[in-house]
N, C-alpha and C. Protein backbone atom coordinates (compact mmCIF):
# COMPACT_ATOMS: atom_id res chain seq x y z
N MET A 1 -177.88 -48.66 225.76
CA MET A 1 -178.99 -47.79 225.41
C MET A 1 -179.27 -46.79 226.52
N LYS A 2 -179.02 -47.20 227.77
CA LYS A 2 -179.28 -46.30 228.89
C LYS A 2 -178.44 -45.02 228.80
N HIS A 3 -177.24 -45.15 228.30
CA HIS A 3 -176.33 -44.00 228.27
C HIS A 3 -176.69 -43.00 227.19
N TYR A 4 -177.38 -43.43 226.14
CA TYR A 4 -177.76 -42.52 225.08
C TYR A 4 -178.77 -41.48 225.53
N LYS A 5 -179.58 -41.79 226.51
CA LYS A 5 -180.56 -40.81 226.97
C LYS A 5 -179.89 -39.62 227.66
N TYR A 6 -178.65 -39.78 228.11
CA TYR A 6 -177.90 -38.69 228.71
C TYR A 6 -177.08 -37.92 227.68
N LEU A 7 -176.80 -38.56 226.56
CA LEU A 7 -175.96 -37.94 225.55
C LEU A 7 -176.61 -36.72 224.90
N ILE A 8 -177.87 -36.81 224.56
CA ILE A 8 -178.56 -35.70 223.89
C ILE A 8 -178.66 -34.47 224.80
N PRO A 9 -179.07 -34.60 226.06
CA PRO A 9 -179.08 -33.40 226.93
C PRO A 9 -177.68 -32.82 227.15
N PHE A 10 -176.68 -33.68 227.24
CA PHE A 10 -175.31 -33.21 227.43
C PHE A 10 -174.84 -32.40 226.23
N ILE A 11 -175.09 -32.92 225.03
CA ILE A 11 -174.69 -32.21 223.82
C ILE A 11 -175.46 -30.90 223.70
N SER A 12 -176.74 -30.90 224.03
CA SER A 12 -177.54 -29.68 223.97
C SER A 12 -177.00 -28.62 224.92
N MET A 13 -176.67 -29.02 226.13
CA MET A 13 -176.12 -28.05 227.10
C MET A 13 -174.77 -27.54 226.65
N LEU A 14 -173.95 -28.39 226.07
CA LEU A 14 -172.64 -27.98 225.58
C LEU A 14 -172.79 -26.96 224.45
N LEU A 15 -173.70 -27.20 223.54
CA LEU A 15 -173.93 -26.25 222.45
C LEU A 15 -174.45 -24.91 222.95
N MET A 16 -175.34 -24.93 223.95
CA MET A 16 -175.84 -23.68 224.52
C MET A 16 -174.71 -22.92 225.21
N LEU A 17 -173.82 -23.62 225.88
CA LEU A 17 -172.69 -22.98 226.54
C LEU A 17 -171.78 -22.32 225.53
N ILE A 18 -171.49 -23.04 224.46
CA ILE A 18 -170.62 -22.48 223.42
C ILE A 18 -171.28 -21.27 222.78
N ALA A 19 -172.55 -21.34 222.46
CA ALA A 19 -173.26 -20.22 221.85
C ALA A 19 -173.32 -19.03 222.80
N GLY A 20 -173.46 -19.26 224.08
CA GLY A 20 -173.52 -18.18 225.06
C GLY A 20 -172.21 -17.47 225.25
N CYS A 21 -171.11 -18.15 224.98
CA CYS A 21 -169.79 -17.56 225.17
C CYS A 21 -169.33 -16.74 223.97
N SER A 22 -169.95 -16.91 222.82
CA SER A 22 -169.52 -16.15 221.66
C SER A 22 -170.10 -14.74 221.72
N ASN A 23 -169.41 -13.79 221.09
CA ASN A 23 -169.88 -12.41 221.13
C ASN A 23 -170.81 -12.08 219.97
N GLY A 24 -171.06 -13.07 219.11
CA GLY A 24 -172.04 -12.87 218.05
C GLY A 24 -171.52 -12.16 216.82
N ILE A 25 -170.25 -11.82 216.77
CA ILE A 25 -169.69 -11.13 215.62
C ILE A 25 -168.92 -12.15 214.78
N GLU A 26 -169.42 -12.41 213.60
CA GLU A 26 -168.71 -13.25 212.64
C GLU A 26 -168.46 -12.40 211.41
N ILE A 27 -167.22 -12.29 211.03
CA ILE A 27 -166.85 -11.39 209.95
C ILE A 27 -166.44 -12.22 208.74
N GLU A 28 -167.05 -11.92 207.62
CA GLU A 28 -166.68 -12.57 206.38
C GLU A 28 -166.22 -11.50 205.40
N GLY A 29 -165.44 -11.91 204.45
CA GLY A 29 -164.94 -10.99 203.44
C GLY A 29 -163.43 -11.04 203.39
N ASP A 30 -162.89 -10.72 202.22
CA ASP A 30 -161.45 -10.80 202.06
C ASP A 30 -160.80 -9.45 201.76
N LYS A 31 -161.59 -8.37 201.92
CA LYS A 31 -160.99 -7.04 201.82
C LYS A 31 -161.79 -6.07 202.68
N ILE A 32 -161.14 -4.97 203.03
CA ILE A 32 -161.76 -3.94 203.89
C ILE A 32 -161.85 -2.66 203.08
N LEU A 33 -163.03 -2.06 203.09
CA LEU A 33 -163.25 -0.76 202.46
C LEU A 33 -163.33 0.29 203.56
N VAL A 34 -162.48 1.30 203.50
CA VAL A 34 -162.39 2.32 204.55
C VAL A 34 -162.79 3.67 203.98
N GLN A 35 -163.63 4.38 204.74
CA GLN A 35 -164.02 5.75 204.40
C GLN A 35 -163.61 6.67 205.54
N LYS A 36 -163.24 7.89 205.20
CA LYS A 36 -162.81 8.88 206.18
C LYS A 36 -163.78 10.06 206.13
N ARG A 37 -164.09 10.60 207.34
CA ARG A 37 -164.99 11.76 207.40
C ARG A 37 -164.32 12.98 206.78
N VAL A 38 -165.14 13.76 206.07
CA VAL A 38 -164.67 14.99 205.45
C VAL A 38 -165.16 16.14 206.30
N GLY A 39 -164.25 16.94 206.83
CA GLY A 39 -164.64 18.08 207.67
C GLY A 39 -165.32 17.62 208.94
N GLU A 40 -166.24 18.42 209.43
CA GLU A 40 -166.95 18.11 210.67
C GLU A 40 -168.35 17.56 210.43
N GLU A 41 -168.72 17.46 209.17
CA GLU A 41 -170.07 17.01 208.83
C GLU A 41 -170.11 15.50 208.70
N ASN A 42 -171.28 14.97 208.49
CA ASN A 42 -171.49 13.53 208.34
C ASN A 42 -171.34 13.14 206.87
N LYS A 43 -170.21 13.54 206.26
CA LYS A 43 -169.90 13.22 204.88
C LYS A 43 -168.58 12.44 204.85
N TYR A 44 -168.53 11.44 203.97
CA TYR A 44 -167.37 10.56 203.93
C TYR A 44 -166.87 10.40 202.51
N GLU A 45 -165.56 10.18 202.41
CA GLU A 45 -164.94 9.92 201.12
C GLU A 45 -164.12 8.64 201.21
N TYR A 46 -163.91 8.03 200.06
CA TYR A 46 -163.09 6.83 199.98
C TYR A 46 -161.72 7.14 200.56
N PHE A 47 -161.24 6.28 201.44
CA PHE A 47 -159.92 6.47 202.03
C PHE A 47 -158.95 5.41 201.52
N LYS A 48 -159.34 4.13 201.62
CA LYS A 48 -158.47 3.08 201.11
C LYS A 48 -159.20 1.75 201.07
N GLU A 49 -158.62 0.84 200.33
CA GLU A 49 -159.12 -0.54 200.23
C GLU A 49 -157.96 -1.44 200.63
N ILE A 50 -158.22 -2.34 201.56
CA ILE A 50 -157.19 -3.25 202.05
C ILE A 50 -157.49 -4.65 201.53
N THR A 51 -156.54 -5.22 200.80
CA THR A 51 -156.75 -6.54 200.22
C THR A 51 -155.73 -7.57 200.72
N GLU A 52 -154.68 -7.14 201.39
CA GLU A 52 -153.66 -8.08 201.88
C GLU A 52 -154.29 -9.01 202.93
N LYS A 53 -154.21 -10.31 202.71
CA LYS A 53 -154.89 -11.29 203.55
C LYS A 53 -154.50 -11.18 205.02
N GLU A 54 -153.22 -11.02 205.31
CA GLU A 54 -152.77 -10.94 206.71
C GLU A 54 -153.32 -9.70 207.40
N THR A 55 -153.36 -8.60 206.71
CA THR A 55 -153.88 -7.36 207.28
C THR A 55 -155.38 -7.48 207.55
N VAL A 56 -156.12 -8.03 206.60
CA VAL A 56 -157.56 -8.22 206.77
C VAL A 56 -157.81 -9.17 207.95
N GLN A 57 -157.03 -10.24 208.04
CA GLN A 57 -157.21 -11.20 209.13
C GLN A 57 -156.89 -10.57 210.48
N THR A 58 -155.90 -9.70 210.55
CA THR A 58 -155.56 -9.01 211.80
C THR A 58 -156.76 -8.19 212.28
N ALA A 59 -157.38 -7.44 211.38
CA ALA A 59 -158.55 -6.64 211.74
C ALA A 59 -159.69 -7.54 212.20
N LYS A 60 -159.93 -8.63 211.49
CA LYS A 60 -160.99 -9.57 211.87
C LYS A 60 -160.74 -10.13 213.27
N ASP A 61 -159.50 -10.52 213.53
CA ASP A 61 -159.17 -11.10 214.84
C ASP A 61 -159.44 -10.13 215.97
N ILE A 62 -159.06 -8.87 215.79
CA ILE A 62 -159.29 -7.85 216.81
C ILE A 62 -160.79 -7.66 217.05
N LEU A 63 -161.55 -7.54 215.98
CA LEU A 63 -162.99 -7.28 216.10
C LEU A 63 -163.74 -8.48 216.66
N GLU A 64 -163.35 -9.68 216.26
CA GLU A 64 -164.04 -10.87 216.75
C GLU A 64 -163.72 -11.17 218.21
N SER A 65 -162.54 -10.75 218.68
CA SER A 65 -162.18 -11.02 220.07
C SER A 65 -162.60 -9.89 221.02
N ALA A 66 -163.10 -8.80 220.48
CA ALA A 66 -163.53 -7.67 221.32
C ALA A 66 -164.77 -8.04 222.13
N SER A 67 -164.93 -7.40 223.27
CA SER A 67 -166.08 -7.64 224.16
C SER A 67 -167.22 -6.69 223.79
N TRP A 68 -167.95 -7.02 222.76
CA TRP A 68 -169.03 -6.18 222.27
C TRP A 68 -170.18 -6.17 223.27
N GLU A 69 -170.78 -5.01 223.44
CA GLU A 69 -171.95 -4.86 224.32
C GLU A 69 -173.17 -4.58 223.45
N ASN A 70 -174.29 -5.10 223.85
CA ASN A 70 -175.56 -4.80 223.18
C ASN A 70 -176.13 -3.54 223.81
N LYS A 71 -175.87 -2.40 223.19
CA LYS A 71 -176.45 -1.16 223.70
C LYS A 71 -176.42 -0.09 222.62
N GLU A 72 -177.38 0.79 222.71
CA GLU A 72 -177.47 1.92 221.79
C GLU A 72 -176.68 3.08 222.40
N VAL A 73 -175.83 3.70 221.60
CA VAL A 73 -175.07 4.84 222.08
C VAL A 73 -175.33 6.04 221.19
N SER A 74 -175.16 7.20 221.76
CA SER A 74 -175.33 8.43 221.02
C SER A 74 -174.06 9.25 221.18
N MET A 75 -173.37 9.46 220.11
CA MET A 75 -172.11 10.20 220.14
C MET A 75 -172.35 11.67 219.81
N ALA A 76 -171.46 12.52 220.29
CA ALA A 76 -171.60 13.96 220.10
C ALA A 76 -171.31 14.41 218.68
N TYR A 77 -170.60 13.60 217.91
CA TYR A 77 -170.26 13.96 216.54
C TYR A 77 -170.17 12.69 215.70
N PRO A 78 -170.21 12.83 214.39
CA PRO A 78 -170.16 11.65 213.51
C PRO A 78 -168.83 10.91 213.65
N PRO A 79 -168.79 9.63 213.28
CA PRO A 79 -167.54 8.87 213.38
C PRO A 79 -166.44 9.44 212.50
N HIS A 80 -165.20 9.24 212.94
CA HIS A 80 -164.06 9.69 212.16
C HIS A 80 -163.86 8.83 210.92
N TYR A 81 -164.12 7.53 211.07
CA TYR A 81 -163.97 6.58 209.97
C TYR A 81 -165.15 5.61 209.97
N LYS A 82 -165.41 5.05 208.79
CA LYS A 82 -166.35 3.96 208.64
C LYS A 82 -165.62 2.89 207.81
N PHE A 83 -165.86 1.64 208.15
CA PHE A 83 -165.27 0.59 207.33
C PHE A 83 -166.16 -0.64 207.34
N SER A 84 -166.00 -1.44 206.30
CA SER A 84 -166.77 -2.67 206.18
C SER A 84 -165.91 -3.69 205.45
N PHE A 85 -166.32 -4.93 205.54
CA PHE A 85 -165.62 -6.02 204.87
C PHE A 85 -166.40 -6.39 203.62
N GLU A 86 -165.67 -6.79 202.59
CA GLU A 86 -166.30 -7.15 201.33
C GLU A 86 -165.69 -8.45 200.83
N GLY A 87 -166.53 -9.28 200.27
CA GLY A 87 -166.07 -10.52 199.68
C GLY A 87 -167.03 -11.00 198.63
N ASN A 88 -166.53 -11.70 197.64
CA ASN A 88 -167.35 -12.23 196.55
C ASN A 88 -168.24 -11.15 195.93
N ASN A 89 -167.67 -9.99 195.72
CA ASN A 89 -168.35 -8.88 195.07
C ASN A 89 -169.58 -8.38 195.80
N GLU A 90 -169.70 -8.67 197.08
CA GLU A 90 -170.79 -8.07 197.85
C GLU A 90 -170.26 -7.58 199.18
N GLN A 91 -170.75 -6.43 199.59
CA GLN A 91 -170.31 -5.79 200.82
C GLN A 91 -171.10 -6.33 202.00
N SER A 92 -170.42 -6.48 203.12
CA SER A 92 -171.06 -6.94 204.34
C SER A 92 -172.10 -5.91 204.78
N GLU A 93 -173.14 -6.41 205.43
CA GLU A 93 -174.15 -5.50 205.96
C GLU A 93 -173.65 -4.76 207.18
N LEU A 94 -172.59 -5.27 207.81
CA LEU A 94 -172.05 -4.63 209.00
C LEU A 94 -171.13 -3.49 208.61
N ILE A 95 -171.49 -2.30 209.04
CA ILE A 95 -170.64 -1.14 208.83
C ILE A 95 -170.14 -0.72 210.21
N TYR A 96 -168.83 -0.67 210.34
CA TYR A 96 -168.20 -0.31 211.61
C TYR A 96 -167.96 1.20 211.62
N HIS A 97 -168.48 1.88 212.64
CA HIS A 97 -168.29 3.31 212.82
C HIS A 97 -167.22 3.48 213.89
N LEU A 98 -166.16 4.22 213.58
CA LEU A 98 -165.01 4.33 214.47
C LEU A 98 -164.81 5.77 214.92
N TRP A 99 -164.73 5.96 216.23
CA TRP A 99 -164.42 7.26 216.83
C TRP A 99 -163.07 7.17 217.52
N ILE A 100 -162.30 8.23 217.42
CA ILE A 100 -161.00 8.33 218.10
C ILE A 100 -161.21 9.13 219.37
N SER A 101 -160.66 8.65 220.48
CA SER A 101 -160.81 9.35 221.75
C SER A 101 -160.09 10.70 221.70
N PRO A 102 -160.49 11.66 222.54
CA PRO A 102 -159.84 12.97 222.55
C PRO A 102 -158.33 12.89 222.85
N ASN A 103 -157.92 11.90 223.62
CA ASN A 103 -156.49 11.74 223.92
C ASN A 103 -155.73 11.01 222.82
N LYS A 104 -156.44 10.58 221.79
CA LYS A 104 -155.86 9.87 220.65
C LYS A 104 -155.10 8.62 221.08
N ASP A 105 -155.70 7.88 222.02
CA ASP A 105 -155.06 6.65 222.47
C ASP A 105 -155.99 5.44 222.43
N MET A 106 -157.27 5.68 222.19
CA MET A 106 -158.23 4.57 222.13
C MET A 106 -159.28 4.87 221.06
N VAL A 107 -159.94 3.79 220.61
CA VAL A 107 -161.03 3.96 219.66
C VAL A 107 -162.29 3.31 220.22
N GLU A 108 -163.42 3.84 219.79
CA GLU A 108 -164.72 3.27 220.11
C GLU A 108 -165.36 2.88 218.79
N LEU A 109 -166.04 1.74 218.80
CA LEU A 109 -166.67 1.24 217.60
C LEU A 109 -168.15 0.97 217.85
N VAL A 110 -168.96 1.27 216.85
CA VAL A 110 -170.38 0.99 216.91
C VAL A 110 -170.76 0.30 215.61
N ILE A 111 -171.55 -0.75 215.75
CA ILE A 111 -172.13 -1.41 214.59
C ILE A 111 -173.62 -1.08 214.62
N GLU A 112 -174.15 -0.65 213.48
CA GLU A 112 -175.57 -0.36 213.41
C GLU A 112 -176.34 -1.58 213.88
N GLY A 113 -177.32 -1.35 214.70
CA GLY A 113 -178.09 -2.45 215.25
C GLY A 113 -177.83 -2.63 216.73
N GLY A 114 -176.97 -1.79 217.31
CA GLY A 114 -176.84 -1.79 218.76
C GLY A 114 -175.67 -2.52 219.36
N LYS A 115 -174.54 -2.62 218.68
CA LYS A 115 -173.35 -3.22 219.27
C LYS A 115 -172.30 -2.13 219.45
N TYR A 116 -171.65 -2.13 220.61
CA TYR A 116 -170.69 -1.09 220.97
C TYR A 116 -169.49 -1.72 221.67
N VAL A 117 -168.31 -1.16 221.43
CA VAL A 117 -167.12 -1.58 222.16
C VAL A 117 -166.12 -0.42 222.20
N GLN A 118 -165.44 -0.30 223.33
CA GLN A 118 -164.30 0.60 223.43
C GLN A 118 -163.09 -0.30 223.60
N LEU A 119 -162.19 -0.26 222.64
CA LEU A 119 -161.01 -1.10 222.69
C LEU A 119 -159.97 -0.53 223.64
N GLY A 120 -159.17 -1.39 224.21
CA GLY A 120 -158.06 -0.95 225.05
C GLY A 120 -157.01 -0.25 224.20
N LYS A 121 -156.03 0.34 224.84
CA LYS A 121 -155.03 1.13 224.12
C LYS A 121 -154.26 0.32 223.08
N SER A 122 -153.79 -0.86 223.44
CA SER A 122 -152.99 -1.63 222.48
C SER A 122 -153.84 -2.13 221.32
N GLU A 123 -155.07 -2.60 221.61
CA GLU A 123 -155.95 -3.07 220.55
C GLU A 123 -156.37 -1.91 219.66
N SER A 124 -156.61 -0.75 220.26
CA SER A 124 -156.99 0.44 219.49
C SER A 124 -155.89 0.82 218.51
N GLU A 125 -154.66 0.88 219.01
CA GLU A 125 -153.52 1.23 218.17
C GLU A 125 -153.36 0.22 217.03
N LYS A 126 -153.45 -1.05 217.38
CA LYS A 126 -153.26 -2.10 216.37
C LYS A 126 -154.34 -2.05 215.30
N LEU A 127 -155.61 -1.92 215.69
CA LEU A 127 -156.69 -1.86 214.71
C LEU A 127 -156.57 -0.60 213.85
N PHE A 128 -156.34 0.54 214.48
CA PHE A 128 -156.27 1.79 213.73
C PHE A 128 -155.12 1.76 212.74
N LYS A 129 -153.97 1.28 213.17
CA LYS A 129 -152.81 1.17 212.29
C LYS A 129 -153.11 0.20 211.15
N THR A 130 -153.84 -0.86 211.45
CA THR A 130 -154.18 -1.87 210.44
C THR A 130 -155.06 -1.29 209.34
N ILE A 131 -156.08 -0.53 209.72
CA ILE A 131 -157.02 -0.05 208.70
C ILE A 131 -156.64 1.29 208.07
N THR A 132 -155.72 2.05 208.69
CA THR A 132 -155.36 3.35 208.12
C THR A 132 -153.88 3.50 207.78
N GLU A 133 -153.03 2.66 208.35
CA GLU A 133 -151.57 2.76 208.24
C GLU A 133 -151.06 4.04 208.92
N ILE A 134 -151.81 4.55 209.88
CA ILE A 134 -151.43 5.73 210.64
C ILE A 134 -151.45 5.35 212.12
N HIS A 135 -150.49 5.86 212.89
CA HIS A 135 -150.52 5.65 214.33
C HIS A 135 -151.57 6.57 214.94
N LEU A 136 -152.29 6.09 215.95
CA LEU A 136 -153.32 6.91 216.60
C LEU A 136 -152.76 8.25 217.08
N SER A 137 -151.58 8.21 217.66
CA SER A 137 -151.00 9.44 218.21
C SER A 137 -150.66 10.45 217.13
N GLU A 138 -150.62 10.04 215.86
CA GLU A 138 -150.27 10.94 214.76
C GLU A 138 -151.49 11.56 214.09
N VAL A 139 -152.68 11.22 214.57
CA VAL A 139 -153.90 11.75 213.97
C VAL A 139 -154.01 13.24 214.27
N GLU A 140 -154.40 14.00 213.26
CA GLU A 140 -154.55 15.46 213.45
C GLU A 140 -155.93 15.79 213.94
């Protein structure tokens, strides 16, 4: 019985440690809906829908492993792309806003509500290729 009094605090501390290490992004859905900006304005049109399980999972893995920061950012122009995940006939509340760097080698992502990340070159290329089927360097 003496040992049980240590078990509850130990489990509590372990759970707090695990919760503190997560980045707070959990993505659900089995397809991705992608929109592309039209012109230079804040207008978007349907670009594509991704339903292949492996492709959707690749995007989820990249986004869930990214080091998201809690901060508000203000960009000089609207995002180049917007995308979200959808499952069970309902769209996720998380809309990912994607900007392409001027050098066309990295992407920056913002989630409404104050989450921001700039992906490294390889992750940027992989995510962009996954959701658009275009290489970053080929963007006009």
